[in-house]
Amino acid sequence: MSFIYEPDRGTKYEAGYFLAEDEPVTRETRTILQAGATTAANGSKYVKAGTPFPANGATAIGFVYEDVDVTSGNMAGSVVTKGVVYEDRLPVKLDSAAKTALQGLGFKFIATSPTVTRPY
C-alpha cells in the first residue's frame, strides 16, 4: 500500500490504488468538475482518486484515476473507463445504479482487497 501523507488532506493514496490490475486498464482525459469536490482544512478543493465519474449513479462511466485539485475551477484529469476495481478501496460506497452501469461498460469488481502480509 503506497501513500503520501499530506497534512491538509490526510492520507493520499497513489494513483490507481483502487485498481486490482495494472492491465488491461483504459484511461481517458475528461473534465473533472469542481461541484461535489472535497474541501480541505486549508480551503483547497479536490476530487479523490476512485471517485465515480461523472457521478455516483446511473450516469457513471468510470473512476477518477488520481486526486485532482479543482480549487481554481474545473480541471482536466484522467478517468479509468475500463478495469478491475477493489470496491473497498473506493473513497465512497458505490451506488447500485453506478455499479450496474459500470458493469455494463465492462468493469469488473472485487469486494475486498487482499491482505498484505509483510515479513519482519
Protein backbone atom coordinates (compact mmCIF):
# COMPACT_ATOMS: atom_id res chain seq x y z
CA MET A 1 0.00 0.00 0.00
CA SER A 2 1.60 3.20 -1.16
CA PHE A 3 0.54 6.55 0.12
CA ILE A 4 1.77 10.07 0.63
CA TYR A 5 0.88 11.94 3.81
CA GLU A 6 -0.36 15.45 3.17
CA PRO A 7 -1.19 17.38 6.37
CA ASP A 8 -4.07 19.35 4.84
CA ARG A 9 -5.74 16.41 3.15
CA GLY A 10 -4.80 13.40 5.27
CA THR A 11 -3.58 10.27 3.56
CA LYS A 12 -3.32 10.43 -0.22
CA TYR A 13 -3.03 7.09 -1.96
CA GLU A 14 -1.04 6.62 -5.13
CA ALA A 15 -2.81 6.96 -8.46
CA GLY A 16 -4.76 3.84 -9.35
CA TYR A 17 -4.63 2.46 -5.80
CA PHE A 18 -8.20 1.18 -6.20
CA LEU A 19 -7.34 -0.93 -9.27
CA ALA A 20 -6.82 -4.69 -8.89
CA GLU A 21 -4.67 -4.96 -12.01
CA ASP A 22 -2.43 -2.64 -13.98
CA GLU A 23 -3.59 -4.14 -17.28
CA PRO A 24 -5.98 -4.14 -19.03
CA VAL A 25 -6.92 -0.63 -17.95
CA THR A 26 -8.18 2.16 -20.18
CA ARG A 27 -7.84 5.81 -19.15
CA GLU A 28 -9.22 8.88 -20.88
CA THR A 29 -8.80 12.59 -20.23
CA ARG A 30 -12.01 14.21 -19.01
CA THR A 31 -13.00 17.48 -17.34
CA ILE A 32 -13.23 16.96 -13.58
CA LEU A 33 -15.87 19.30 -12.14
CA GLN A 34 -15.40 21.39 -9.02
CA ALA A 35 -19.01 20.70 -7.99
CA GLY A 36 -19.06 17.93 -5.39
CA ALA A 37 -15.35 18.23 -4.58
CA THR A 38 -13.99 17.71 -1.06
CA THR A 39 -12.78 20.84 0.70
CA ALA A 40 -9.58 20.50 2.75
CA ALA A 41 -8.81 22.31 6.00
CA ASN A 42 -6.75 24.91 4.11
CA GLY A 43 -9.66 25.67 1.74
CA SER A 44 -8.33 23.81 -1.28
CA LYS A 45 -10.79 21.64 -3.21
CA TYR A 46 -10.06 18.28 -4.74
CA VAL A 47 -11.72 15.18 -6.14
CA LYS A 48 -10.30 11.97 -4.66
CA ALA A 49 -8.89 9.11 -6.71
CA GLY A 50 -11.50 6.39 -7.12
CA THR A 51 -14.46 8.78 -7.15
CA PRO A 52 -17.12 7.61 -9.64
CA PHE A 53 -17.19 9.87 -12.71
CA PRO A 54 -19.18 11.97 -13.50
CA ALA A 55 -21.42 10.96 -10.58
CA ASN A 56 -22.14 8.04 -8.27
CA GLY A 57 -25.26 6.91 -10.12
CA ALA A 58 -26.60 5.53 -13.39
CA THR A 59 -24.55 8.08 -15.39
CA ALA A 60 -21.19 6.72 -14.14
CA ILE A 61 -18.71 5.89 -16.89
CA GLY A 62 -15.55 5.40 -14.83
CA PHE A 63 -13.41 6.45 -11.87
CA VAL A 64 -11.09 9.40 -11.31
CA TYR A 65 -7.58 7.89 -11.58
CA GLU A 66 -5.72 10.23 -9.22
CA ASP A 67 -6.54 13.12 -6.90
CA VAL A 68 -7.41 16.22 -8.95
CA ASP A 69 -7.05 19.71 -7.47
CA VAL A 70 -10.07 21.76 -8.56
CA THR A 71 -9.50 24.74 -6.24
CA SER A 72 -9.32 27.18 -9.14
CA GLY A 73 -12.15 25.55 -11.13
CA ASN A 74 -12.80 22.57 -13.37
CA MET A 75 -9.62 20.74 -14.38
CA ALA A 76 -8.58 18.08 -16.86
CA GLY A 77 -7.93 14.73 -15.25
CA SER A 78 -7.53 11.06 -16.03
CA VAL A 79 -10.59 8.80 -15.76
CA VAL A 80 -10.38 5.00 -15.79
CA THR A 81 -13.01 3.77 -18.24
CA LYS A 82 -12.16 0.06 -18.10
CA GLY A 83 -10.59 -2.10 -15.42
CA VAL A 84 -10.90 -4.33 -12.37
CA VAL A 85 -11.69 -2.38 -9.18
CA TYR A 86 -11.41 -3.18 -5.46
CA GLU A 87 -14.67 -1.80 -4.05
CA ASP A 88 -13.28 -1.44 -0.51
CA ARG A 89 -10.58 0.96 -1.78
CA LEU A 90 -13.03 3.46 -3.26
CA PRO A 91 -13.49 6.70 -1.26
CA VAL A 92 -17.30 6.33 -1.36
CA LYS A 93 -19.68 3.38 -1.29
CA LEU A 94 -20.58 2.63 -4.88
CA ASP A 95 -24.27 3.20 -5.65
CA SER A 96 -26.03 0.12 -7.06
CA ALA A 97 -27.10 2.05 -10.19
CA ALA A 98 -23.49 3.13 -10.75
CA LYS A 99 -22.21 -0.43 -10.32
CA THR A 100 -24.77 -1.75 -12.81
CA ALA A 101 -23.89 0.97 -15.35
CA LEU A 102 -20.15 0.36 -14.94
CA GLN A 103 -20.50 -3.42 -15.25
CA GLY A 104 -22.39 -2.79 -18.48
CA LEU A 105 -19.33 -0.89 -19.73
CA GLY A 106 -17.02 -3.82 -18.92
CA PHE A 107 -15.83 -3.04 -15.39
CA LYS A 108 -15.28 -5.95 -13.02
CA PHE A 109 -15.47 -5.56 -9.25
CA ILE A 110 -13.80 -7.36 -6.36
CA ALA A 111 -15.48 -6.68 -3.00
CA THR A 112 -12.36 -6.68 -0.79
CA SER A 113 -8.68 -6.17 -1.48
CA PRO A 114 -6.23 -8.88 -0.36
CA THR A 115 -4.49 -8.64 2.97
CA VAL A 116 -0.79 -7.99 2.55
CA THR A 117 1.48 -9.81 4.98
CA ARG A 118 4.97 -8.42 5.22
CA PRO A 119 7.88 -10.35 6.73
CA TYR A 120 9.52 -8.81 9.75
